[in-house]
C-alpha atoms as a PDB file:
ATOM      1  CA  MET A   1     -69.674 -36.181  17.741  1.00  0.00           C
ATOM      2  CA  VAL A   2     -73.022 -37.645  18.779  1.00  0.00           C
ATOM      3  CA  PHE A   3     -71.294 -40.874  19.708  1.00  0.00           C
ATOM      4  CA  TRP A   4     -68.685 -39.066  21.699  1.00  0.00           C
ATOM      5  CA  GLY A   5     -71.323 -36.965  23.403  1.00  0.00           C
ATOM      6  CA  ARG A   6     -73.368 -40.000  24.253  1.00  0.00           C
ATOM      7  CA  TYR A   7     -70.655 -42.457  25.288  1.00  0.00           C
ATOM      8  CA  GLY A   8     -67.588 -40.336  25.930  1.00  0.00           C
ATOM      9  CA  ARG A   9     -68.271 -39.874  29.585  1.00  0.00           C
ATOM     10  CA  SER A  10     -68.675 -43.598  30.144  1.00  0.00           C
ATOM     11  CA  LEU A  11     -65.343 -44.616  28.421  1.00  0.00           C
ATOM     12  CA  PRO A  12     -62.584 -45.794  30.741  1.00  0.00           C
ATOM     13  CA  PRO A  13     -59.931 -43.104  31.302  1.00  0.00           C
ATOM     14  CA  PHE A  14     -57.049 -45.293  30.027  1.00  0.00           C
ATOM     15  CA  ILE A  15     -58.753 -45.632  26.644  1.00  0.00           C
ATOM     16  CA  ILE A  16     -58.918 -41.854  26.319  1.00  0.00           C
ATOM     17  CA  ILE A  17     -55.239 -41.537  27.261  1.00  0.00           C
ATOM     18  CA  PHE A  18     -54.266 -44.255  24.718  1.00  0.00           C
ATOM     19  CA  ALA A  19     -56.198 -42.442  22.013  1.00  0.00           C
ATOM     20  CA  ILE A  20     -54.314 -39.217  22.774  1.00  0.00           C
ATOM     21  CA  LEU A  21     -50.904 -40.973  22.683  1.00  0.00           C
ATOM     22  CA  LEU A  22     -51.795 -42.704  19.440  1.00  0.00           C
ATOM     23  CA  ALA A  23     -52.675 -39.380  17.887  1.00  0.00           C
ATOM     24  CA  GLY A  24     -49.266 -38.036  18.902  1.00  0.00           C
ATOM     25  CA  VAL A  25     -47.370 -41.085  17.641  1.00  0.00           C
ATOM     26  CA  ARG A  26     -48.986 -41.399  14.234  1.00  0.00           C
ATOM     27  CA  PRO A  27     -47.326 -38.314  12.700  1.00  0.00           C
ATOM     28  CA  ALA A  28     -43.958 -39.631  13.853  1.00  0.00           C
ATOM     29  CA  THR A  29     -44.499 -42.934  12.055  1.00  0.00           C
ATOM     30  CA  ALA A  30     -44.720 -40.983   8.813  1.00  0.00           C
ATOM     31  CA  GLN A  31     -40.921 -40.456   9.060  1.00  0.00           C
ATOM     32  CA  SER A  32     -38.946 -43.577   8.226  1.00  0.00           C
ATOM     33  CA  THR A  33     -35.829 -44.659  10.068  1.00  0.00           C
ATOM     34  CA  PRO A  34     -32.481 -43.610   8.529  1.00  0.00           C
ATOM     35  CA  MET A  35     -32.035 -45.384   5.219  1.00  0.00           C
ATOM     36  CA  PRO A  36     -28.639 -46.909   4.369  1.00  0.00           C
ATOM     37  CA  LEU A  37     -26.854 -45.090   1.574  1.00  0.00           C
ATOM     38  CA  ALA A  38     -26.796 -48.046  -0.843  1.00  0.00           C
ATOM     39  CA  GLU A  39     -30.521 -48.668  -0.324  1.00  0.00           C
ATOM     40  CA  TYR A  40     -31.221 -44.959  -0.877  1.00  0.00           C
ATOM     41  CA  TRP A  41     -29.597 -44.971  -4.303  1.00  0.00           C
ATOM     42  CA  GLN A  42     -31.494 -48.144  -5.185  1.00  0.00           C
ATOM     43  CA  THR A  43     -34.736 -46.362  -4.233  1.00  0.00           C
ATOM     44  CA  ILE A  44     -33.941 -43.384  -6.482  1.00  0.00           C
ATOM     45  CA  THR A  45     -33.065 -45.785  -9.304  1.00  0.00           C
ATOM     46  CA  GLN A  46     -36.369 -47.666  -8.853  1.00  0.00           C
ATOM     47  CA  ILE A  47     -38.369 -44.421  -8.985  1.00  0.00           C
ATOM     48  CA  ARG A  48     -36.639 -43.454 -12.234  1.00  0.00           C
ATOM     49  CA  ASP A  49     -37.250 -46.882 -13.777  1.00  0.00           C
ATOM     50  CA  ASP A  50     -40.932 -46.790 -12.758  1.00  0.00           C
ATOM     51  CA  LEU A  51     -41.354 -43.411 -14.470  1.00  0.00           C
ATOM     52  CA  ASN A  52     -39.793 -44.785 -17.647  1.00  0.00           C
ATOM     53  CA  GLU A  53     -42.004 -47.921 -17.625  1.00  0.00           C
ATOM     54  CA  ALA A  54     -45.317 -46.166 -16.848  1.00  0.00           C
ATOM     55  CA  PRO A  55     -45.016 -42.562 -18.050  1.00  0.00           C
ATOM     56  CA  ASP A  56     -48.801 -41.930 -17.979  1.00  0.00           C
ATOM     57  CA  ASP A  57     -49.542 -43.533 -14.603  1.00  0.00           C
ATOM     58  CA  SER A  58     -50.189 -40.831 -12.001  1.00  0.00           C
ATOM     59  CA  ALA A  59     -50.068 -43.444  -9.263  1.00  0.00           C
ATOM     60  CA  VAL A  60     -46.342 -43.869  -9.970  1.00  0.00           C
ATOM     61  CA  ARG A  61     -45.784 -40.210  -9.215  1.00  0.00           C
ATOM     62  CA  GLU A  62     -47.888 -40.345  -6.054  1.00  0.00           C
ATOM     63  CA  THR A  63     -45.967 -43.375  -4.826  1.00  0.00           C
ATOM     64  CA  ALA A  64     -42.658 -41.630  -5.527  1.00  0.00           C
ATOM     65  CA  VAL A  65     -43.804 -38.530  -3.610  1.00  0.00           C
ATOM     66  CA  THR A  66     -44.810 -40.674  -0.616  1.00  0.00           C
ATOM     67  CA  THR A  67     -41.518 -42.586  -0.713  1.00  0.00           C
ATOM     68  CA  LEU A  68     -39.347 -39.474  -0.849  1.00  0.00           C
ATOM     69  CA  SER A  69     -41.406 -37.740   1.837  1.00  0.00           C
ATOM     70  CA  ASN A  70     -40.651 -40.597   4.237  1.00  0.00           C
ATOM     71  CA  ILE A  71     -36.866 -40.297   3.720  1.00  0.00           C
ATOM     72  CA  SER A  72     -35.398 -37.557   5.906  1.00  0.00           C
ATOM     73  CA  GLN A  73     -32.042 -39.092   6.883  1.00  0.00           C
ATOM     74  CA  ILE A  74     -29.444 -41.299   5.227  1.00  0.00           C
ATOM     75  CA  GLU A  75     -26.995 -43.478   7.078  1.00  0.00           C
ATOM     76  CA  LEU A  76     -23.539 -43.150   5.507  1.00  0.00           C
ATOM     77  CA  ALA A  77     -20.990 -45.953   5.323  1.00  0.00           C
ATOM     78  CA  ASN A  78     -19.128 -44.629   8.371  1.00  0.00           C
ATOM     79  CA  GLY A  79     -22.326 -44.633  10.460  1.00  0.00           C
ATOM     80  CA  ARG A  80     -22.862 -40.885  10.335  1.00  0.00           C
ATOM     81  CA  LEU A  81     -26.444 -39.720   9.751  1.00  0.00           C
ATOM     82  CA  GLN A  82     -26.911 -37.222   6.937  1.00  0.00           C
ATOM     83  CA  PRO A  83     -30.153 -35.178   6.806  1.00  0.00           C
ATOM     84  CA  ILE A  84     -31.617 -34.881   3.306  1.00  0.00           C
ATOM     85  CA  ASP A  85     -34.378 -32.714   1.849  1.00  0.00           C
ATOM     86  CA  HIS A  86     -36.389 -33.899  -1.170  1.00  0.00           C
ATOM     87  CA  ALA A  87     -38.621 -30.813  -1.410  1.00  0.00           C
ATOM     88  CA  TYR A  88     -37.345 -29.973  -4.889  1.00  0.00           C
ATOM     89  CA  LEU A  89     -37.845 -33.482  -6.282  1.00  0.00           C
ATOM     90  CA  ILE A  90     -41.295 -33.669  -4.720  1.00  0.00           C
ATOM     91  CA  ARG A  91     -42.320 -30.383  -6.337  1.00  0.00           C
ATOM     92  CA  GLN A  92     -41.076 -31.664  -9.671  1.00  0.00           C
ATOM     93  CA  LEU A  93     -43.075 -34.905  -9.323  1.00  0.00           C
ATOM     94  CA  GLN A  94     -46.233 -32.961  -8.436  1.00  0.00           C
ATOM     95  CA  ASN A  95     -45.820 -30.616 -11.396  1.00  0.00           C
ATOM     96  CA  GLU A  96     -48.164 -32.065 -14.026  1.00  0.00           C
ATOM     97  CA  ALA A  97     -46.602 -29.878 -16.706  1.00  0.00           C
ATOM     98  CA  LEU A  98     -43.435 -31.982 -16.547  1.00  0.00           C
ATOM     99  CA  SER A  99     -43.470 -35.249 -18.476  1.00  0.00           C
ATOM    100  CA  ALA A 100     -42.364 -38.513 -16.940  1.00  0.00           C
ATOM    101  CA  GLN A 101     -39.428 -38.572 -19.355  1.00  0.00           C
ATOM    102  CA  THR A 102     -38.233 -35.178 -18.074  1.00  0.00           C
ATOM    103  CA  LEU A 103     -38.519 -36.372 -14.475  1.00  0.00           C
ATOM    104  CA  ALA A 104     -36.599 -39.546 -15.317  1.00  0.00           C
ATOM    105  CA  THR A 105     -33.846 -37.452 -16.910  1.00  0.00           C
ATOM    106  CA  GLN A 106     -33.588 -35.307 -13.776  1.00  0.00           C
ATOM    107  CA  LEU A 107     -33.336 -38.379 -11.571  1.00  0.00           C
ATOM    108  CA  THR A 108     -30.623 -39.780 -13.861  1.00  0.00           C
ATOM    109  CA  ALA A 109     -28.672 -36.552 -13.405  1.00  0.00           C
ATOM    110  CA  TYR A 110     -29.203 -36.824  -9.655  1.00  0.00           C
ATOM    111  CA  LEU A 111     -27.917 -40.392  -9.677  1.00  0.00           C
ATOM    112  CA  SER A 112     -24.776 -39.249 -11.455  1.00  0.00           C
ATOM    113  CA  SER A 113     -23.969 -37.037  -8.449  1.00  0.00           C
ATOM    114  CA  ARG A 114     -23.327 -40.255  -6.552  1.00  0.00           C
ATOM    115  CA  GLN A 115     -19.837 -40.252  -8.039  1.00  0.00           C
ATOM    116  CA  GLY A 116     -19.167 -36.884  -6.383  1.00  0.00           C
ATOM    117  CA  TRP A 117     -19.605 -38.245  -2.866  1.00  0.00           C
ATOM    118  CA  PRO A 118     -15.911 -38.480  -1.858  1.00  0.00           C
ATOM    119  CA  ASP A 119     -14.295 -41.028   0.377  1.00  0.00           C
ATOM    120  CA  PRO A 120     -13.546 -39.325   3.718  1.00  0.00           C
ATOM    121  CA  THR A 121      -9.936 -40.533   3.562  1.00  0.00           C
ATOM    122  CA  LEU A 122      -7.297 -38.720   1.510  1.00  0.00           C
ATOM    123  CA  PRO A 123      -6.373 -40.677  -1.643  1.00  0.00           C
ATOM    124  CA  THR A 124      -2.985 -42.373  -1.486  1.00  0.00           C
ATOM    125  CA  LEU A 125      -1.952 -40.688  -4.734  1.00  0.00           C
ATOM    126  CA  ASP A 126      -2.474 -37.217  -3.200  1.00  0.00           C
ATOM    127  CA  VAL A 127      -0.469 -38.152  -0.112  1.00  0.00           C
ATOM    128  CA  ALA A 128       2.384 -39.369  -2.288  1.00  0.00           C
ATOM    129  CA  ALA A 129       2.317 -36.182  -4.324  1.00  0.00           C
ATOM    130  CA  LEU A 130       2.377 -34.099  -1.142  1.00  0.00           C
ATOM    131  CA  ASP A 131       5.316 -36.105   0.207  1.00  0.00           C
ATOM    132  CA  ALA A 132       7.174 -35.562  -3.053  1.00  0.00           C
ATOM    133  CA  ILE A 133       6.635 -31.803  -2.829  1.00  0.00           C
ATOM    134  CA  LEU A 134       7.665 -31.566   0.813  1.00  0.00           C
ATOM    135  CA  SER A 135      10.830 -33.548   0.123  1.00  0.00           C
ATOM    136  CA  GLN A 136      12.153 -30.770  -2.125  1.00  0.00           C
ATOM    137  CA  PRO A 137      15.264 -28.937  -0.817  1.00  0.00           C
ATOM    138  CA  GLU A 138      13.409 -25.639  -0.354  1.00  0.00           C
ATOM    139  CA  PHE A 139      11.153 -27.319   2.239  1.00  0.00           C
ATOM    140  CA  ASN A 140      13.994 -29.018   4.084  1.00  0.00           C
ATOM    141  CA  TYR A 141      16.293 -26.548   5.734  1.00  0.00           C
ATOM    142  CA  ALA A 142      17.425 -25.657   9.206  1.00  0.00           C
ATOM    143  CA  PRO A 143      16.998 -22.077  10.407  1.00  0.00           C
ATOM    144  CA  GLU A 144      20.267 -20.187  10.304  1.00  0.00           C
ATOM    145  CA  GLU A 145      21.853 -19.143  13.557  1.00  0.00           C
ATOM    146  CA  PRO A 146      22.369 -15.374  13.861  1.00  0.00           C
ATOM    147  CA  ASN A 147      25.900 -14.248  13.167  1.00  0.00           C
ATOM    148  CA  PHE A 148      28.003 -12.030  15.415  1.00  0.00           C
ATOM    149  CA  LEU A 149      26.612  -8.744  14.104  1.00  0.00           C
ATOM    150  CA  GLN A 150      23.035 -10.008  14.216  1.00  0.00           C
ATOM    151  CA  ARG A 151      23.450 -11.080  17.843  1.00  0.00           C
ATOM    152  CA  ILE A 152      24.842  -7.647  18.706  1.00  0.00           C
ATOM    153  CA  TRP A 153      21.871  -6.025  16.960  1.00  0.00           C
ATOM    154  CA  GLN A 154      19.434  -8.204  18.903  1.00  0.00           C
ATOM    155  CA  ASP A 155      21.141  -7.381  22.218  1.00  0.00           C
ATOM    156  CA  ILE A 156      21.111  -3.643  21.472  1.00  0.00           C
ATOM    157  CA  ARG A 157      17.461  -3.747  20.459  1.00  0.00           C
ATOM    158  CA  GLN A 158      16.494  -5.696  23.570  1.00  0.00           C
ATOM    159  CA  ALA A 159      18.412  -3.316  25.854  1.00  0.00           C
ATOM    160  CA  ILE A 160      16.705  -0.280  24.304  1.00  0.00           C
ATOM    161  CA  GLU A 161      13.283  -1.894  24.572  1.00  0.00           C
ATOM    162  CA  ASP A 162      13.848  -2.748  28.241  1.00  0.00           C
ATOM    163  CA  PHE A 163      15.018   0.796  28.986  1.00  0.00           C
ATOM    164  CA  TRP A 164      12.065   2.303  27.145  1.00  0.00           C
ATOM    165  CA  LEU A 165       9.564   0.108  28.956  1.00  0.00           C
ATOM    166  CA  ARG A 166      11.043   1.129  32.288  1.00  0.00           C
ATOM    167  CA  LEU A 167      10.509   4.771  31.365  1.00  0.00           C
ATOM    168  CA  PHE A 168       7.048   4.268  29.896  1.00  0.00           C
ATOM    169  CA  PRO A 169       5.328   1.083  31.138  1.00  0.00           C
ATOM    170  CA  GLU A 170       2.693  -0.517  28.957  1.00  0.00           C
ATOM    171  CA  GLU A 171      -0.106   0.806  31.178  1.00  0.00           C
ATOM    172  CA  SER A 172       1.208   4.360  30.806  1.00  0.00           C
ATOM    173  CA  ARG A 173      -0.964   6.773  28.820  1.00  0.00           C
ATOM    174  CA  PHE A 174       2.112   8.216  27.141  1.00  0.00           C
ATOM    175  CA  SER A 175       3.198   6.097  24.232  1.00  0.00           C
ATOM    176  CA  LEU A 176       5.430   6.485  21.220  1.00  0.00           C
ATOM    177  CA  PRO A 177       6.068   4.181  18.239  1.00  0.00           C
ATOM    178  CA  LEU A 178       8.532   1.996  20.121  1.00  0.00           C
ATOM    179  CA  ASN A 179       9.651   0.041  17.082  1.00  0.00           C
ATOM    180  CA  ASN A 180      10.632   3.191  15.211  1.00  0.00           C
ATOM    181  CA  VAL A 181      12.462   4.609  18.215  1.00  0.00           C
ATOM    182  CA  VAL A 182      14.353   1.371  18.713  1.00  0.00           C
ATOM    183  CA  LEU A 183      15.338   1.238  15.073  1.00  0.00           C
ATOM    184  CA  ILE A 184      16.532   4.837  15.061  1.00  0.00           C
ATOM    185  CA  ILE A 185      18.565   4.578  18.265  1.00  0.00           C
ATOM    186  CA  ALA A 186      19.988   1.182  17.367  1.00  0.00           C
ATOM    187  CA  GLY A 187      20.831   2.442  13.884  1.00  0.00           C
ATOM    188  CA  LEU A 188      22.687   5.407  15.350  1.00  0.00           C
ATOM    189  CA  LEU A 189      24.628   3.176  17.718  1.00  0.00           C
ATOM    190  CA  VAL A 190      25.599   0.817  14.913  1.00  0.00           C
ATOM    191  CA  ALA A 191      26.576   3.753  12.696  1.00  0.00           C
ATOM    192  CA  VAL A 192      28.793   5.177  15.447  1.00  0.00           C
ATOM    193  CA  ALA A 193      30.399   1.791  16.031  1.00  0.00           C
ATOM    194  CA  LEU A 194      31.023   1.278  12.327  1.00  0.00           C
ATOM    195  CA  ALA A 195      32.397   4.800  11.925  1.00  0.00           C
ATOM    196  CA  TYR A 196      34.796   4.235  14.811  1.00  0.00           C
ATOM    197  CA  ALA A 197      35.921   0.897  13.409  1.00  0.00           C
ATOM    198  CA  LEU A 198      36.231   2.334   9.901  1.00  0.00           C
ATOM    199  CA  ARG A 199      38.283   5.228  11.197  1.00  0.00           C
ATOM    200  CA  GLY A 200      40.681   2.755  12.751  1.00  0.00           C
ATOM    201  CA  ILE A 201      40.965   0.884   9.465  1.00  0.00           C
ATOM    202  CA  LEU A 202      41.431   3.994   7.375  1.00  0.00           C
ATOM    203  CA  GLY A 203      43.975   5.307   9.852  1.00  0.00           C
ATOM    204  CA  ASP A 204      46.274   2.484   8.873  1.00  0.00           C
ATOM    205  CA  LEU A 205      46.069   3.047   5.127  1.00  0.00           C
ATOM    206  CA  THR A 206      48.930   5.519   4.717  1.00  0.00           C
ATOM    207  CA  ALA A 207      50.982   3.747   7.359  1.00  0.00           C
ATOM    208  CA  ASP A 208      50.572   0.457   5.536  1.00  0.00           C
ATOM    209  CA  ALA A 209      51.768   1.939   2.269  1.00  0.00           C
ATOM    210  CA  ALA A 210      54.770   3.632   3.935  1.00  0.00           C
ATOM    211  CA  LEU A 211      55.812   0.557   5.918  1.00  0.00           C
ATOM    212  CA  SER A 212      55.654  -1.611   2.804  1.00  0.00           C
ATOM    213  CA  ALA A 213      57.892   0.868   0.978  1.00  0.00           C
ATOM    214  CA  GLU A 214      60.448   0.972   3.793  1.00  0.00           C
ATOM    215  CA  GLU A 215      60.552  -2.825   3.981  1.00  0.00           C
ATOM    216  CA  GLU A 216      61.389  -2.930   0.287  1.00  0.00           C
ATOM    217  CA  LEU A 217      64.247  -0.523   0.963  1.00  0.00           C
ATOM    218  CA  GLY A 218      65.692  -2.739   3.672  1.00  0.00           C
ATOM    219  CA  GLY A 219      64.882  -0.248   6.436  1.00  0.00           C
ATOM    220  CA  GLU A 220      66.480   2.714   4.650  1.00  0.00           C
ATOM    221  CA  PRO A 221      64.682   6.003   5.508  1.00  0.00           C
ATOM    222  CA  LEU A 222      62.293   6.986   2.764  1.00  0.00           C
ATOM    223  CA  THR A 223      62.720  10.464   1.285  1.00  0.00           C
ATOM    224  CA  ALA A 224      60.883  12.326  -1.444  1.00  0.00           C
ATOM    225  CA  ASP A 225      63.724  11.900  -3.954  1.00  0.00           C
ATOM    226  CA  LEU A 226      64.226   8.225  -3.127  1.00  0.00           C
ATOM    227  CA  ALA A 227      60.504   7.537  -3.465  1.00  0.00           C
ATOM    228  CA  LEU A 228      60.450   9.308  -6.840  1.00  0.00           C
ATOM    229  CA  GLN A 229      63.422   7.250  -8.011  1.00  0.00           C
ATOM    230  CA  LYS A 230      61.723   3.980  -6.966  1.00  0.00           C
ATOM    231  CA  ALA A 231      58.552   5.048  -8.782  1.00  0.00           C
ATOM    232  CA  GLN A 232      60.505   5.526 -11.996  1.00  0.00           C
ATOM    233  CA  GLU A 233      62.167   2.105 -11.617  1.00  0.00           C
ATOM    234  CA  PHE A 234      58.878   0.252 -11.079  1.00  0.00           C
ATOM    235  CA  SER A 235      57.095   2.089 -13.891  1.00  0.00           C
ATOM    236  CA  THR A 236      59.918   1.168 -16.265  1.00  0.00           C
ATOM    237  CA  GLY A 237      59.420  -2.465 -15.292  1.00  0.00           C
ATOM    238  CA  GLY A 238      55.654  -2.221 -15.903  1.00  0.00           C
ATOM    239  CA  ASP A 239      54.660  -2.439 -12.230  1.00  0.00           C
ATOM    240  CA  TYR A 240      52.388   0.599 -12.269  1.00  0.00           C
ATOM    241  CA  ARG A 241      50.621  -0.265  -9.002  1.00  0.00           C
ATOM    242  CA  THR A 242      53.822  -0.099  -6.953  1.00  0.00           C
ATOM    243  CA  ALA A 243      54.972   2.940  -8.944  1.00  0.00           C
ATOM    244  CA  VAL A 244      51.743   4.752  -8.010  1.00  0.00           C
ATOM    245  CA  ARG A 245      52.387   4.040  -4.352  1.00  0.00           C
ATOM    246  CA  TYR A 246      55.918   5.516  -4.481  1.00  0.00           C
ATOM    247  CA  LEU A 247      54.696   8.564  -6.417  1.00  0.00           C
ATOM    248  CA  TYR A 248      52.055   9.210  -3.806  1.00  0.00           C
ATOM    249  CA  LEU A 249      54.500   8.840  -0.907  1.00  0.00           C
ATOM    250  CA  SER A 250      57.010  11.034  -2.723  1.00  0.00           C
ATOM    251  CA  SER A 251      54.331  13.741  -2.989  1.00  0.00           C
ATOM    252  CA  LEU A 252      53.520  13.629   0.728  1.00  0.00           C
ATOM    253  CA  LEU A 253      57.178  13.700   1.716  1.00  0.00           C
ATOM    254  CA  LEU A 254      57.912  16.616  -0.626  1.00  0.00           C
ATOM    255  CA  LEU A 255      54.930  18.601   0.682  1.00  0.00           C
ATOM    256  CA  GLU A 256      56.211  18.024   4.202  1.00  0.00           C
ATOM    257  CA  GLU A 257      59.719  19.216   3.232  1.00  0.00           C
ATOM    258  CA  ARG A 258      58.172  22.422   1.888  1.00  0.00           C
ATOM    259  CA  GLY A 259      56.055  22.927   4.999  1.00  0.00           C
ATOM    260  CA  LEU A 260      52.758  22.468   3.183  1.00  0.00           C
ATOM    261  CA  LEU A 261      51.593  19.591   5.390  1.00  0.00           C
ATOM    262  CA  ARG A 262      52.807  17.348   8.187  1.00  0.00           C
ATOM    263  CA  TYR A 263      53.629  13.799   7.111  1.00  0.00           C
ATOM    264  CA  ASP A 264      52.308  11.412   9.753  1.00  0.00           C
ATOM    265  CA  ARG A 265      51.635   7.720   9.290  1.00  0.00           C
ATOM    266  CA  SER A 266      48.709   7.882  11.740  1.00  0.00           C
ATOM    267  CA  LEU A 267      46.830  10.272   9.450  1.00  0.00           C
ATOM    268  CA  THR A 268      44.420   8.974   6.847  1.00  0.00           C
ATOM    269  CA  ASN A 269      44.406  10.178   3.274  1.00  0.00           C
ATOM    270  CA  ARG A 270      41.249  12.214   3.940  1.00  0.00           C
ATOM    271  CA  GLU A 271      42.870  13.785   6.991  1.00  0.00           C
ATOM    272  CA  TYR A 272      45.752  14.945   4.804  1.00  0.00           C
ATOM    273  CA  LEU A 273      43.188  16.694   2.635  1.00  0.00           C
ATOM    274  CA  ARG A 274      41.746  18.495   5.639  1.00  0.00           C
ATOM    275  CA  THR A 275      45.203  19.792   6.608  1.00  0.00           C
ATOM    276  CA  VAL A 276      45.467  21.653   3.271  1.00  0.00           C
ATOM    277  CA  ALA A 277      41.821  22.733   3.060  1.00  0.00           C
ATOM    278  CA  HIS A 278      42.924  26.358   3.492  1.00  0.00           C
ATOM    279  CA  ARG A 279      44.796  26.099   0.160  1.00  0.00           C
ATOM    280  CA  PRO A 280      42.046  25.243  -2.379  1.00  0.00           C
ATOM    281  CA  GLU A 281      44.373  24.816  -5.372  1.00  0.00           C
ATOM    282  CA  LEU A 282      46.660  22.429  -3.487  1.00  0.00           C
ATOM    283  CA  ALA A 283      43.686  20.537  -2.011  1.00  0.00           C
ATOM    284  CA  THR A 284      42.174  20.002  -5.477  1.00  0.00           C
ATOM    285  CA  ILE A 285      45.357  18.508  -6.922  1.00  0.00           C
ATOM    286  CA  LEU A 286      46.006  16.380  -3.816  1.00  0.00           C
ATOM    287  CA  ARG A 287      42.436  15.029  -3.913  1.00  0.00           C
ATOM    288  CA  ASP A 288      42.911  13.777  -7.483  1.00  0.00           C
ATOM    289  CA  VAL A 289      46.229  12.133  -6.537  1.00  0.00           C
ATOM    290  CA  ILE A 290      44.693  10.461  -3.465  1.00  0.00           C
ATOM    291  CA  ASP A 291      41.649   9.195  -5.398  1.00  0.00           C
ATOM    292  CA  VAL A 292      43.808   7.418  -7.969  1.00  0.00           C
ATOM    293  CA  PHE A 293      46.120   6.035  -5.269  1.00  0.00           C
ATOM    294  CA  ASP A 294      43.160   4.584  -3.279  1.00  0.00           C
ATOM    295  CA  ARG A 295      41.653   2.947  -6.350  1.00  0.00           C
ATOM    296  CA  VAL A 296      44.920   1.450  -7.581  1.00  0.00           C
ATOM    297  CA  TRP A 297      46.628   0.476  -4.319  1.00  0.00           C
ATOM    298  CA  TYR A 298      43.664  -0.573  -2.168  1.00  0.00           C
ATOM    299  CA  GLY A 299      41.079  -1.211  -4.873  1.00  0.00           C
ATOM    300  CA  PHE A 300      43.541  -3.094  -7.131  1.00  0.00           C
ATOM    301  CA  GLN A 301      42.400  -1.127 -10.160  1.00  0.00           C
ATOM    302  CA  THR A 302      44.754  -1.699 -13.074  1.00  0.00           C
ATOM    303  CA  LEU A 303      46.447   1.148 -14.927  1.00  0.00           C
ATOM    304  CA  SER A 304      47.631   1.304 -18.517  1.00  0.00           C
ATOM    305  CA  ALA A 305      50.892   3.002 -19.445  1.00  0.00           C
ATOM    306  CA  SER A 306      49.045   6.095 -20.678  1.00  0.00           C
ATOM    307  CA  GLU A 307      46.963   6.294 -17.508  1.00  0.00           C
ATOM    308  CA  TYR A 308      50.087   6.039 -15.383  1.00  0.00           C
ATOM    309  CA  GLU A 309      51.754   8.840 -17.354  1.00  0.00           C
ATOM    310  CA  SER A 310      48.683  11.002 -16.756  1.00  0.00           C
ATOM    311  CA  TYR A 311      48.904  10.259 -13.032  1.00  0.00           C
ATOM    312  CA  ALA A 312      52.641  11.044 -13.004  1.00  0.00           C
ATOM    313  CA  ARG A 313      51.950  14.435 -14.617  1.00  0.00           C
ATOM    314  CA  ARG A 314      49.334  15.154 -11.966  1.00  0.00           C
ATOM    315  CA  VAL A 315      51.845  14.292  -9.245  1.00  0.00           C
ATOM    316  CA  GLU A 316      54.450  16.523 -10.901  1.00  0.00           C
ATOM    317  CA  THR A 317      51.955  19.393 -10.729  1.00  0.00           C
ATOM    318  CA  LEU A 318      51.581  18.685  -7.053  1.00  0.00           C
ATOM    319  CA  ARG A 319      55.352  18.657  -6.567  1.00  0.00           C
ATOM    320  CA  GLN A 320      55.587  22.114  -8.106  1.00  0.00           C
ATOM    321  CA  GLN A 321      53.577  23.672  -5.295  1.00  0.00           C
ATOM    322  CA  LYS A 322      55.580  26.409  -3.597  1.00  0.00           C
ATOM    323  CA  GLU A 323      56.693  26.392  -0.002  1.00  0.00           C
ATOM    324  CA  ALA A 324      54.428  27.799   2.623  1.00  0.00           C
ATOM    325  CA  ARG A 325      55.439  31.133   4.102  1.00  0.00           C
END
């Protein structure tokens, strides 16, 4: 301080500036340049070996602390710089309670972590395994095109959504769960369409059975007695399905002759039931006869001889119904 007070004013200005710059550069020189990865592991190995060779030499520890303090970055094989912090190792080296052997063991464990530094590229074996998995049939398929009904459903849904958005734009404050509304309306439309189509199908059921019977008769008009006779012939031959059809038609024709219902090929079996709904006893017997006929003729349910006889008795009960007044 005396020297500076005595000569400081007479020093050239550039010397003062150089001294200031040098003071700012010196701390930076304490940090080494990035160390290559291979050299870094050699340094850790050397520190461990030095601790094993001179376990009681404190200078070895001090040198190791200085060396690790100067390493702040490692240059990886791909050129990327990896920051690294040796604070833990430095604290361990400065801890006099830990023996050199313990420190060497810790460094050996640290060196073993070198094997856990993976190659940045995916191993060929993993790529092959992935290719094998992705080549399985469940991962190789083309999306299915929607069928006719699915396309109709999509068109109906889109039309309802467009109509709804015209009524209530997105910026409107009034909003309802559009998805639920679309599903409900579209479901109702589909149900109506299916009901209409099903009604057309069911409307042909009785007509189909009657036309088949008349074709077998060569165009001869079918009557109740003739149908009963054909039923007996087919049942004798073991053809219970055809016999059931003739018994059923014979019942309808007989009920028409007695004025209990109107025989009409355009009517479905269920519509026949509605025409006799005002006569509960008749409706109950006719329902049983129709149920068996539907299962056997259209559902191809087989009948045993005993089951056919039971059906024939049920039909006979139906035939005994008195004329309407």
